[in-house]
């Protein structure tokens, strides 16, 4: 026998084995669903629950981590009457799940994730292989936090194991919505058929404070990368599993533990033998500036979501100044309607022969180039590569459609488990692909000015040699060098004499006997193992990569 409690045109059903609920005017899932509960809302009449933080809890800059497990149940529904269970988080994300056999690849139906921004709604779909799934989302709080929320939907087997490497979705929000979330956050539950119900287990919100020390702009440096999994308990285990690294790298604050604020969190484990696929994270840019942001990210090393936020940070550090300048360069170039194949015409066109608006933008670009020699060419060269990559993934578009499409597209960041293996997205439609590796700039000293008004400052030879020795002790073997700045990279390469294998010198012992790579268009530093004699073996001793 089940006990049914009436609430706002719906029922909350609790097994007699569970504590009795005291439901009032509004459901609070943190209280009413401390033990698993089942909701049976009437079609068209969703049940809503506030997710506000208790008034006696004082939070500083950090991350709020929300989690709940969902099991949508359907009774006596015919094949032609399949319904949806709908879970809506605030006004920015809606999970719509069907529960019926579709195919061998989707034995339990389909889950759709609708992400809504000021630019409209985008829908992402994936097949269901299990009857239960967890919804996890992260909300950064504090004045210097990113203006984005991350959400992940993870299917669970009967042992509460996550069955696949999760996909992350990043949603940039307006500042007001983000600032009000602590007090006005909510979630609602709805169905489209009266025979449906939604079982909720382990709803909770936890908090992790940001570190107090260190530069503010570096606290969130990994928010857009695969390291974001380190904030999603227990998805840090997945990050560690596929990369053979540890989420507590260095003193990064995301390695700390969470404090439960409300609800009853429940551990989720990782399925043994999980296939090693890339961690995918889609970052949606509602301002349609994705190509600008990606170019700025690659040139200046600034987190992508810093460039998606509605307001600029209080202090524009050197790398942020570089990033905003890089974005401006791409924006000005696109406004000229010059083809990327004619990039050099930025400096050669006769201004008197151009339309006034085009001439004005060309003048601005040339002025930037005078103040920052080489930066315009460097940024636009990166933007051209992003443009060309989008052409490859989306053939058949005109140049204007390609530029507009690349700007309006998502950025799909991939963290790859094996630097030497294939790294392919499951679905790259309407996305700019960005393969993330650990950035070489993270190895520089805290007080080192990496980005200056003159452009990117590369490592000195002494810094490179010291870091080489450190990496060697960690198990790496040096086989090549690649830098984002051609001139700076070439100058460092020229400082080191290429060392052939088998010459039995101190240099061979120091550098592993590998020839330095003088071709600077390689995507990553090559790391190899000391195997064999008189030949190059590019298999990594540790499956990790480092971008220089």
Protein backbone atom coordinates (compact mmCIF):
# COMPACT_ATOMS: atom_id res chain seq x y z
CA UNK A 1 0.00 0.00 0.00
CA UNK A 2 1.22 3.50 -0.86
CA UNK A 3 0.52 6.78 0.84
CA UNK A 4 -0.49 9.62 -1.51
CA UNK A 5 -0.16 13.28 -0.55
CA UNK A 6 -1.93 15.98 -2.57
CA UNK A 7 0.12 18.97 -3.71
CA UNK A 8 -0.82 21.62 -6.25
CA UNK A 9 -2.83 19.39 -8.52
CA UNK A 10 -0.34 16.54 -8.26
CA UNK A 11 0.55 13.73 -5.92
CA UNK A 12 3.71 12.84 -4.09
CA UNK A 13 3.82 9.10 -3.48
CA UNK A 14 5.90 7.61 -0.73
CA UNK A 15 6.26 3.96 0.14
CA UNK A 16 5.16 3.09 3.66
CA UNK A 17 8.74 1.90 4.21
CA UNK A 18 9.89 5.51 3.92
CA UNK A 19 9.30 8.34 6.42
CA UNK A 20 5.98 10.16 6.17
CA UNK A 21 6.13 13.47 4.27
CA UNK A 22 4.74 16.73 5.55
CA UNK A 23 4.07 18.46 2.25
CA UNK A 24 2.91 22.07 2.43
CA UNK A 25 2.22 24.63 -0.30
CA UNK A 26 5.44 23.99 -2.19
CA UNK A 27 7.61 20.92 -2.55
CA UNK A 28 11.17 21.05 -1.25
CA UNK A 29 12.97 18.05 -2.70
CA UNK A 30 15.88 18.43 -0.28
CA UNK A 31 13.46 17.75 2.60
CA UNK A 32 10.59 15.74 1.10
CA UNK A 33 12.87 13.49 -0.95
CA UNK A 34 15.58 12.71 1.60
CA UNK A 35 14.33 9.17 1.08
CA UNK A 36 13.55 8.28 -2.55
CA UNK A 37 10.18 9.72 -3.54
CA UNK A 38 7.93 9.44 -6.57
CA UNK A 39 6.06 12.36 -8.14
CA UNK A 40 2.95 11.92 -10.28
CA UNK A 41 2.15 15.38 -11.63
CA UNK A 42 -0.92 15.88 -13.77
CA UNK A 43 -0.09 16.51 -17.43
CA UNK A 44 0.37 20.23 -17.95
CA UNK A 45 0.71 20.93 -14.20
CA UNK A 46 4.38 20.66 -13.21
CA UNK A 47 5.55 20.30 -9.62
CA UNK A 48 8.14 22.91 -8.70
CA UNK A 49 10.75 22.88 -5.98
CA UNK A 50 12.92 25.73 -4.84
CA UNK A 51 16.65 25.11 -4.73
CA UNK A 52 17.55 28.19 -2.74
CA UNK A 53 20.43 28.04 -0.27
CA UNK A 54 19.36 28.11 3.42
CA UNK A 55 19.48 31.62 4.84
CA UNK A 56 21.93 30.74 7.60
CA UNK A 57 24.55 29.52 5.10
CA UNK A 58 27.11 32.15 4.07
CA UNK A 59 28.99 31.40 0.86
CA UNK A 60 32.01 33.09 -0.69
CA UNK A 61 33.41 32.64 -4.18
CA UNK A 62 33.28 29.00 -5.22
CA UNK A 63 31.12 26.32 -6.84
CA UNK A 64 27.65 25.01 -6.01
CA UNK A 65 27.26 21.39 -7.10
CA UNK A 66 23.71 20.08 -7.60
CA UNK A 67 22.87 16.43 -8.18
CA UNK A 68 19.83 14.17 -8.30
CA UNK A 69 19.02 10.73 -9.67
CA UNK A 70 15.95 10.24 -11.86
CA UNK A 71 13.99 7.09 -12.69
CA UNK A 72 11.04 7.89 -14.93
CA UNK A 73 8.31 5.28 -14.77
CA UNK A 74 5.47 4.59 -17.19
CA UNK A 75 2.57 2.23 -16.58
CA UNK A 76 0.31 0.66 -19.21
CA UNK A 77 1.21 3.06 -22.02
CA UNK A 78 0.72 1.78 -25.54
CA UNK A 79 3.48 2.11 -28.12
CA UNK A 80 1.64 4.87 -29.98
CA UNK A 81 1.12 6.89 -26.78
CA UNK A 82 4.70 7.28 -25.60
CA UNK A 83 5.10 10.24 -23.27
CA UNK A 84 7.92 12.36 -21.93
CA UNK A 85 9.19 13.05 -18.44
CA UNK A 86 10.32 16.68 -18.26
CA UNK A 87 12.74 18.14 -15.71
CA UNK A 88 13.34 21.89 -16.07
CA UNK A 89 16.24 23.59 -14.28
CA UNK A 90 15.65 27.30 -13.87
CA UNK A 91 14.99 28.83 -17.26
CA UNK A 92 18.13 27.62 -18.97
CA UNK A 93 17.97 23.81 -19.23
CA UNK A 94 15.24 21.22 -19.79
CA UNK A 95 15.73 17.45 -19.79
CA UNK A 96 13.09 15.54 -21.79
CA UNK A 97 13.25 11.76 -21.48
CA UNK A 98 11.22 9.08 -23.23
CA UNK A 99 11.05 5.59 -21.74
CA UNK A 100 10.44 2.97 -24.43
CA UNK A 101 12.37 0.74 -26.80
CA UNK A 102 13.54 2.59 -29.91
CA UNK A 103 16.33 0.43 -31.28
CA UNK A 104 19.21 -1.77 -30.24
CA UNK A 105 21.25 1.40 -29.71
CA UNK A 106 18.46 3.04 -27.69
CA UNK A 107 16.75 0.23 -25.76
CA UNK A 108 15.35 2.63 -23.12
CA UNK A 109 14.44 5.56 -25.36
CA UNK A 110 16.00 8.97 -25.92
CA UNK A 111 17.06 11.86 -23.69
CA UNK A 112 16.90 15.39 -25.10
CA UNK A 113 18.65 18.31 -23.44
CA UNK A 114 17.25 21.73 -24.36
CA UNK A 115 19.58 24.62 -23.56
CA UNK A 116 17.98 28.07 -23.64
CA UNK A 117 19.83 31.38 -23.83
CA UNK A 118 18.97 34.86 -25.05
CA UNK A 119 19.81 33.53 -28.52
CA UNK A 120 17.14 30.82 -28.54
CA UNK A 121 17.07 27.11 -27.70
CA UNK A 122 19.45 24.38 -28.86
CA UNK A 123 18.66 20.69 -28.41
CA UNK A 124 21.15 17.87 -27.90
CA UNK A 125 19.98 14.24 -28.02
CA UNK A 126 21.46 10.91 -27.04
CA UNK A 127 20.22 7.34 -26.80
CA UNK A 128 19.25 5.74 -23.52
CA UNK A 129 20.78 2.45 -22.52
CA UNK A 130 19.59 2.37 -18.89
CA UNK A 131 16.45 3.22 -16.97
CA UNK A 132 18.10 5.53 -14.43
CA UNK A 133 20.16 8.66 -14.94
CA UNK A 134 21.76 11.35 -12.82
CA UNK A 135 21.54 15.08 -13.53
CA UNK A 136 24.55 17.03 -12.28
CA UNK A 137 25.10 20.74 -12.69
CA UNK A 138 27.62 23.28 -11.47
CA UNK A 139 26.94 26.91 -10.63
CA UNK A 140 29.97 29.17 -10.07
CA UNK A 141 29.35 31.97 -7.58
CA UNK A 142 31.30 35.09 -6.67
CA UNK A 143 32.22 38.35 -8.34
CA UNK A 144 35.09 36.91 -10.38
CA UNK A 145 33.43 33.61 -11.31
CA UNK A 146 32.66 32.59 -14.92
CA UNK A 147 29.22 33.54 -16.23
CA UNK A 148 28.28 29.99 -17.12
CA UNK A 149 26.64 26.90 -15.70
CA UNK A 150 27.71 23.36 -16.57
CA UNK A 151 25.35 20.41 -16.82
CA UNK A 152 25.94 16.71 -17.34
CA UNK A 153 23.43 13.86 -17.73
CA UNK A 154 24.94 10.52 -16.80
CA UNK A 155 23.26 7.15 -17.23
CA UNK A 156 23.61 4.69 -14.35
CA UNK A 157 23.45 0.92 -14.25
CA UNK A 158 21.77 -0.98 -11.42
CA UNK A 159 24.90 -0.68 -9.27
CA UNK A 160 24.86 3.13 -9.70
CA UNK A 161 27.88 3.03 -11.98
CA UNK A 162 28.24 5.69 -14.67
CA UNK A 163 28.33 3.66 -17.87
CA UNK A 164 29.96 6.12 -20.32
CA UNK A 165 32.37 9.02 -20.30
CA UNK A 166 30.07 11.99 -19.68
CA UNK A 167 29.38 14.88 -22.00
CA UNK A 168 29.43 18.35 -20.46
CA UNK A 169 27.30 21.24 -21.66
CA UNK A 170 28.20 24.79 -20.74
CA UNK A 171 25.55 27.53 -20.75
CA UNK A 172 26.53 31.18 -20.54
CA UNK A 173 23.96 33.21 -18.63
CA UNK A 174 23.26 36.86 -18.07
CA UNK A 175 24.75 38.24 -14.89
CA UNK A 176 21.40 38.85 -13.19
CA UNK A 177 20.26 35.23 -13.61
CA UNK A 178 23.54 33.94 -12.26
CA UNK A 179 23.58 36.33 -9.30
CA UNK A 180 20.00 35.43 -8.32
CA UNK A 181 20.45 31.68 -8.52
CA UNK A 182 21.46 31.25 -4.86
CA UNK A 183 18.12 32.67 -3.69
CA UNK A 184 15.80 31.98 -6.63
CA UNK A 185 17.06 28.73 -8.17
CA UNK A 186 14.36 26.14 -8.87
CA UNK A 187 13.60 22.87 -10.63
CA UNK A 188 10.27 21.56 -11.91
CA UNK A 189 8.98 18.11 -12.85
CA UNK A 190 6.29 17.41 -15.46
CA UNK A 191 4.88 14.59 -17.57
CA UNK A 192 2.85 14.44 -20.77
CA UNK A 193 0.80 11.33 -19.91
CA UNK A 194 -1.22 10.61 -16.73
CA UNK A 195 0.29 7.12 -16.47
CA UNK A 196 3.76 8.53 -15.89
CA UNK A 197 5.63 9.24 -12.66
CA UNK A 198 9.10 10.55 -11.81
CA UNK A 199 11.11 8.94 -9.02
CA UNK A 200 13.73 11.21 -7.40
CA UNK A 201 16.64 9.95 -5.33
CA UNK A 202 19.49 11.66 -3.49
CA UNK A 203 18.81 15.32 -4.39
CA UNK A 204 21.53 17.52 -2.93
CA UNK A 205 23.53 20.71 -3.24
CA UNK A 206 27.12 20.96 -2.04
CA UNK A 207 29.63 23.79 -1.95
CA UNK A 208 33.33 24.13 -2.55
CA UNK A 209 35.11 27.41 -1.79
CA UNK A 210 37.64 28.90 -4.19
CA UNK A 211 41.21 29.12 -3.04
CA UNK A 212 42.10 32.44 -1.44
CA UNK A 213 45.67 32.61 -2.65
CA UNK A 214 46.91 33.14 -6.17
CA UNK A 215 45.77 35.36 -9.02
CA UNK A 216 41.99 35.62 -9.37
CA UNK A 217 42.03 35.11 -13.13
CA UNK A 218 43.79 31.75 -12.73
CA UNK A 219 41.31 30.26 -10.27
CA UNK A 220 38.97 29.29 -13.07
CA UNK A 221 41.64 28.43 -15.65
CA UNK A 222 40.35 24.87 -16.14
CA UNK A 223 36.62 25.66 -16.06
CA UNK A 224 36.29 25.10 -19.82
CA UNK A 225 38.62 22.09 -20.11
CA UNK A 226 38.22 18.42 -19.31
CA UNK A 227 39.48 19.27 -15.84
CA UNK A 228 35.97 20.59 -15.18
CA UNK A 229 35.18 16.95 -14.38
CA UNK A 230 37.23 17.45 -11.25
CA UNK A 231 34.43 19.64 -9.92
CA UNK A 232 31.79 16.98 -10.62
CA UNK A 233 31.91 14.30 -7.94
CA UNK A 234 32.54 11.47 -8.77
CA UNK A 235 33.36 12.41 -12.35
CA UNK A 236 36.84 13.27 -11.17
CA UNK A 237 37.33 9.50 -11.18
CA UNK A 238 36.51 9.46 -14.89
CA UNK A 239 39.01 12.22 -15.56
CA UNK A 240 41.66 10.29 -13.67
CA UNK A 241 40.70 7.07 -15.45
CA UNK A 242 40.97 8.33 -19.01
CA UNK A 243 44.01 10.57 -18.54
CA UNK A 244 46.00 8.68 -15.90
CA UNK A 245 46.33 11.97 -14.06
CA UNK A 246 45.04 13.21 -10.74
CA UNK A 247 42.47 15.92 -10.16
CA UNK A 248 44.56 17.26 -7.31
CA UNK A 249 47.29 18.47 -9.65
CA UNK A 250 49.46 20.93 -7.74
CA UNK A 251 47.54 23.11 -5.33
CA UNK A 252 44.49 23.67 -7.53
CA UNK A 253 41.50 24.31 -5.31
CA UNK A 254 39.18 21.96 -7.18
CA UNK A 255 41.01 19.08 -5.56
CA UNK A 256 39.36 19.85 -2.21
CA UNK A 257 36.25 18.29 -0.74
CA UNK A 258 32.65 19.50 -0.91
CA UNK A 259 30.55 20.63 2.03
CA UNK A 260 26.93 19.48 1.91
CA UNK A 261 24.59 22.48 2.05
CA UNK A 262 21.23 20.70 1.66
CA UNK A 263 19.84 17.29 0.78
CA UNK A 264 21.42 13.84 0.88
CA UNK A 265 24.24 13.26 -1.62
CA UNK A 266 24.87 9.67 -2.66
CA UNK A 267 28.08 8.32 -4.13
CA UNK A 268 28.15 7.28 -7.78
CA UNK A 269 30.92 5.04 -9.04
CA UNK A 270 32.52 4.47 -12.42
CA UNK A 271 31.85 1.32 -14.41
CA UNK A 272 34.91 -0.89 -14.67
CA UNK A 273 36.31 -1.28 -18.16
CA UNK A 274 34.68 1.90 -19.45
CA UNK A 275 35.70 2.65 -23.03
CA UNK A 276 38.25 5.44 -23.17
CA UNK A 277 36.55 8.11 -25.24
CA UNK A 278 37.34 11.83 -25.34
CA UNK A 279 35.66 13.99 -22.72
CA UNK A 280 33.37 16.29 -24.70
CA UNK A 281 32.27 19.69 -23.49
CA UNK A 282 30.01 21.92 -25.58
CA UNK A 283 30.30 25.61 -24.79
CA UNK A 284 27.47 27.70 -26.19
CA UNK A 285 28.16 31.37 -26.99
CA UNK A 286 24.87 33.25 -27.06
CA UNK A 287 26.67 36.40 -28.24
CA UNK A 288 27.69 34.63 -31.46
CA UNK A 289 31.38 35.33 -30.89
CA UNK A 290 32.68 31.76 -30.81
CA UNK A 291 35.37 32.16 -33.49
CA UNK A 292 36.64 35.34 -31.82
CA UNK A 293 36.75 33.63 -28.44
CA UNK A 294 38.48 30.50 -29.72
CA UNK A 295 41.15 32.54 -31.53
CA UNK A 296 41.75 34.62 -28.40
CA UNK A 297 41.91 31.48 -26.28
CA UNK A 298 44.52 29.88 -28.52
CA UNK A 299 46.69 32.98 -28.83
CA UNK A 300 46.46 34.29 -25.27
CA UNK A 301 45.65 31.23 -23.16
CA UNK A 302 42.57 32.77 -21.52
CA UNK A 303 39.72 30.40 -20.53
CA UNK A 304 36.99 30.38 -23.16
CA UNK A 305 34.20 31.14 -20.74
CA UNK A 306 35.98 34.22 -19.47
CA UNK A 307 35.37 35.54 -22.97
CA UNK A 308 31.69 34.59 -22.87
CA UNK A 309 30.81 36.44 -19.68
CA UNK A 310 28.64 39.54 -19.86
CA UNK A 311 30.97 41.76 -17.88
CA UNK A 312 34.72 42.08 -17.98
CA UNK A 313 36.68 41.12 -14.86
CA UNK A 314 37.64 43.91 -12.50
CA UNK A 315 41.34 43.71 -13.25
CA UNK A 316 42.47 43.30 -16.83
CA UNK A 317 45.65 41.30 -16.48
CA UNK A 318 48.10 41.10 -19.36
CA UNK A 319 46.61 37.90 -20.74
CA UNK A 320 43.07 39.31 -20.54
CA UNK A 321 44.16 42.47 -22.35
CA UNK A 322 45.68 40.23 -24.99
CA UNK A 323 42.45 38.21 -25.26
CA UNK A 324 40.11 41.16 -25.63
CA UNK A 325 42.45 42.68 -28.19
CA UNK A 326 42.50 39.38 -30.10
CA UNK A 327 38.71 39.25 -30.12
CA UNK A 328 38.59 42.80 -31.42
CA UNK A 329 41.02 41.92 -34.23
CA UNK A 330 38.83 39.04 -35.46
CA UNK A 331 35.68 41.15 -35.16
CA UNK A 332 37.22 43.99 -37.19
CA UNK A 333 38.47 41.60 -39.85
CA UNK A 334 35.10 39.88 -40.27
CA UNK A 335 33.45 43.28 -40.63
CA UNK A 336 35.68 44.07 -43.63
CA UNK A 337 34.26 41.01 -45.45
CA UNK A 338 37.75 40.20 -46.71
CA UNK A 339 38.23 36.49 -47.41
CA UNK A 340 40.63 34.65 -45.12
CA UNK A 341 42.49 33.53 -48.23
CA UNK A 342 43.38 37.21 -48.78
CA UNK A 343 44.45 37.91 -45.21
CA UNK A 344 47.53 39.93 -46.25
CA UNK A 345 45.32 42.50 -48.00
CA UNK A 346 44.60 43.95 -44.55
CA UNK A 347 47.94 45.73 -44.92
CA UNK A 348 48.06 46.23 -48.70
CA UNK A 349 44.64 47.52 -49.76
CA UNK A 350 44.38 51.17 -50.73
CA UNK A 351 42.11 52.73 -48.11
CA UNK A 352 40.91 55.42 -50.51
CA UNK A 353 39.37 52.76 -52.73
CA UNK A 354 37.35 51.12 -49.94
CA UNK A 355 33.90 51.81 -48.56
CA UNK A 356 34.11 54.18 -45.56
CA UNK A 357 33.20 51.47 -43.01
CA UNK A 358 35.72 49.01 -44.46
CA UNK A 359 38.42 51.67 -44.57
CA UNK A 360 37.74 52.54 -40.93
CA UNK A 361 38.13 48.92 -39.80
CA UNK A 362 41.28 48.44 -41.86
CA UNK A 363 42.69 51.58 -40.28
CA UNK A 364 41.91 50.19 -36.82
CA UNK A 365 43.65 46.91 -37.66
CA UNK A 366 46.75 48.69 -38.93
CA UNK A 367 46.84 50.86 -35.82
CA UNK A 368 46.70 47.76 -33.61
CA UNK A 369 49.52 46.24 -35.65
CA UNK A 370 51.66 49.35 -35.14
CA UNK A 371 51.22 49.14 -31.37
CA UNK A 372 51.58 45.34 -31.24
CA UNK A 373 53.80 44.25 -34.14
CA UNK A 374 52.87 40.83 -35.45
CA UNK A 375 49.78 40.37 -33.30
CA UNK A 376 47.23 41.04 -36.05
CA UNK A 377 48.84 38.47 -38.34
CA UNK A 378 49.18 35.94 -35.53
CA UNK A 379 45.54 36.25 -34.44
CA UNK A 380 44.12 36.21 -37.96
CA UNK A 381 46.28 33.21 -38.88
CA UNK A 382 44.72 31.31 -35.97
CA UNK A 383 41.24 32.56 -36.96
CA UNK A 384 41.85 31.38 -40.54
CA UNK A 385 42.65 27.89 -39.24
CA UNK A 386 39.40 27.89 -37.22
CA UNK A 387 37.56 29.03 -40.34
CA UNK A 388 39.18 26.30 -42.47
CA UNK A 389 38.38 23.65 -39.86
CA UNK A 390 34.74 24.74 -39.92
CA UNK A 391 34.73 24.46 -43.72
CA UNK A 392 36.02 20.88 -43.42
CA UNK A 393 33.32 19.93 -40.90
CA UNK A 394 30.55 21.86 -42.71
CA UNK A 395 31.15 21.71 -46.48
CA UNK A 396 29.02 23.47 -49.08
CA UNK A 397 28.67 26.85 -47.36
CA UNK A 398 29.54 30.21 -48.88
CA UNK A 399 32.37 32.18 -47.22
CA UNK A 400 29.82 34.48 -45.59
CA UNK A 401 27.82 31.51 -44.29
CA UNK A 402 30.97 29.87 -42.99
CA UNK A 403 32.08 32.97 -41.06
CA UNK A 404 28.60 33.47 -39.61
CA UNK A 405 28.28 29.77 -38.82
CA UNK A 406 31.65 29.59 -37.06
CA UNK A 407 30.75 32.64 -34.97
CA UNK A 408 27.32 31.28 -33.99
CA UNK A 409 28.47 27.69 -33.46
CA UNK A 410 29.29 26.04 -30.16
CA UNK A 411 32.86 25.35 -29.19
CA UNK A 412 33.28 21.63 -28.65
CA UNK A 413 36.31 21.06 -26.44
CA UNK A 414 37.79 17.57 -26.44
CA UNK A 415 40.06 16.18 -23.75
CA UNK A 416 41.63 13.13 -25.34
CA UNK A 417 42.71 10.05 -23.37
CA UNK A 418 45.65 9.31 -25.68
CA UNK A 419 47.65 12.05 -27.39
CA UNK A 420 48.80 9.55 -30.03
CA UNK A 421 45.36 8.09 -30.68
CA UNK A 422 42.29 9.28 -32.51
CA UNK A 423 40.39 12.17 -30.94
CA UNK A 424 37.03 12.50 -32.65
CA UNK A 425 33.81 14.05 -31.36
CA UNK A 426 30.65 11.95 -31.34
CA UNK A 427 28.79 14.83 -33.02
CA UNK A 428 30.58 17.91 -34.34
CA UNK A 429 27.56 19.45 -36.06
CA UNK A 430 27.45 23.24 -35.67
CA UNK A 431 30.58 23.26 -33.55
CA UNK A 432 34.15 24.50 -33.67
CA UNK A 433 36.43 21.68 -32.49
CA UNK A 434 39.00 22.57 -29.85
CA UNK A 435 41.34 19.82 -28.65
CA UNK A 436 42.50 20.65 -25.15
CA UNK A 437 45.78 19.63 -23.58
CA UNK A 438 47.55 20.87 -20.54
CA UNK A 439 48.86 24.33 -21.41
CA UNK A 440 52.59 24.94 -21.25
CA UNK A 441 51.97 28.36 -19.73
CA UNK A 442 50.83 26.62 -16.54
CA UNK A 443 54.47 25.67 -15.94
CA UNK A 444 55.68 29.27 -15.86
CA UNK A 445 56.32 31.03 -12.53
CA UNK A 446 53.36 32.81 -10.93
CA UNK A 447 54.94 36.25 -11.31
CA UNK A 448 56.05 35.74 -14.91
CA UNK A 449 54.41 38.09 -17.43
CA UNK A 450 53.37 35.55 -20.03
CA UNK A 451 51.42 38.01 -22.16
CA UNK A 452 52.75 41.52 -22.76
CA UNK A 453 51.54 44.43 -24.93
CA UNK A 454 54.07 43.20 -27.49
CA UNK A 455 52.51 39.75 -27.67
CA UNK A 456 53.26 36.31 -26.26
CA UNK A 457 56.41 35.99 -24.16
CA UNK A 458 57.90 32.56 -24.69
CA UNK A 459 60.16 30.59 -22.38
CA UNK A 460 63.80 31.48 -22.08
CA UNK A 461 66.31 28.75 -22.80
CA UNK A 462 67.05 28.44 -19.08
CA UNK A 463 63.34 27.96 -18.28
CA UNK A 464 62.94 25.42 -21.05
CA UNK A 465 65.97 23.43 -19.87
CA UNK A 466 64.82 23.49 -16.23
CA UNK A 467 61.34 22.32 -17.19
CA UNK A 468 62.81 19.66 -19.43
CA UNK A 469 64.72 18.25 -16.48
CA UNK A 470 61.55 18.24 -14.38
CA UNK A 471 59.55 16.43 -17.05
CA UNK A 472 62.35 13.92 -17.54
CA UNK A 473 62.16 13.03 -13.86
CA UNK A 474 58.40 12.53 -14.30
CA UNK A 475 58.99 9.96 -17.03
CA UNK A 476 58.85 12.07 -20.21
CA UNK A 477 61.41 11.89 -23.00
CA UNK A 478 61.92 14.94 -25.18
CA UNK A 479 61.56 14.49 -28.96
CA UNK A 480 60.51 17.89 -30.25
CA UNK A 481 59.41 21.44 -29.57
CA UNK A 482 56.50 23.48 -30.84
CA UNK A 483 55.59 27.06 -29.98
CA UNK A 484 52.60 29.22 -30.90
CA UNK A 485 54.89 32.11 -31.80
CA UNK A 486 57.03 31.18 -34.80
CA UNK A 487 59.85 33.65 -34.17
CA UNK A 488 60.14 32.91 -30.46
CA UNK A 489 59.96 29.17 -31.00
CA UNK A 490 62.63 29.27 -33.69
CA UNK A 491 64.93 31.31 -31.47
CA UNK A 492 64.72 28.72 -28.68
CA UNK A 493 65.18 25.78 -31.05
CA UNK A 494 68.28 27.42 -32.48
CA UNK A 495 69.80 27.63 -28.99
CA UNK A 496 69.89 23.84 -28.71
CA UNK A 497 72.04 21.70 -30.99
CA UNK A 498 70.14 18.73 -32.49
CA UNK A 499 71.39 15.55 -30.83
CA UNK A 500 71.40 12.35 -32.92
CA UNK A 501 70.96 8.97 -31.28
CA UNK A 502 74.10 6.97 -30.58
CA UNK A 503 76.80 9.65 -30.34
CA UNK A 504 77.48 8.83 -26.66
CA UNK A 505 77.73 12.43 -25.51
CA UNK A 506 76.45 14.24 -22.45
CA UNK A 507 73.91 16.03 -24.65
CA UNK A 508 72.50 12.71 -25.79
CA UNK A 509 72.04 11.66 -22.18
CA UNK A 510 70.46 15.00 -21.28
CA UNK A 511 68.02 15.23 -24.19
CA UNK A 512 67.37 11.54 -24.78
CA UNK A 513 69.16 11.44 -28.10
CA UNK A 514 66.33 12.84 -30.18
CA UNK A 515 66.45 15.34 -33.02
CA UNK A 516 64.74 18.63 -32.24
CA UNK A 517 61.80 19.36 -34.52
CA UNK A 518 62.49 22.50 -36.53
CA UNK A 519 59.11 22.42 -38.30
CA UNK A 520 56.90 24.61 -36.15
CA UNK A 521 53.49 23.68 -37.49
CA UNK A 522 53.14 20.58 -35.33
CA UNK A 523 50.01 20.47 -33.15
CA UNK A 524 51.69 19.28 -29.94
CA UNK A 525 55.01 18.61 -28.33
CA UNK A 526 56.05 15.06 -29.14
CA UNK A 527 56.88 12.96 -26.12
CA UNK A 528 58.56 9.61 -26.64
CA UNK A 529 59.96 6.67 -24.73
CA UNK A 530 63.59 5.60 -24.55
CA UNK A 531 63.10 2.40 -26.48
CA UNK A 532 65.34 1.10 -29.20
CA UNK A 533 68.66 2.35 -30.45
CA UNK A 534 69.39 4.55 -33.45
CA UNK A 535 65.73 5.30 -34.17
CA UNK A 536 62.91 7.52 -33.02
CA UNK A 537 60.14 5.90 -31.04
CA UNK A 538 57.21 8.30 -30.66
CA UNK A 539 55.15 6.16 -28.31
CA UNK A 540 54.72 8.09 -25.05
CA UNK A 541 56.10 6.60 -21.87
CA UNK A 542 53.13 8.22 -20.16
CA UNK A 543 49.98 8.91 -22.14
CA UNK A 544 50.06 12.62 -21.53
CA UNK A 545 50.64 15.57 -23.82
CA UNK A 546 51.93 19.06 -23.26
CA UNK A 547 51.33 22.07 -25.44
CA UNK A 548 54.26 24.46 -25.56
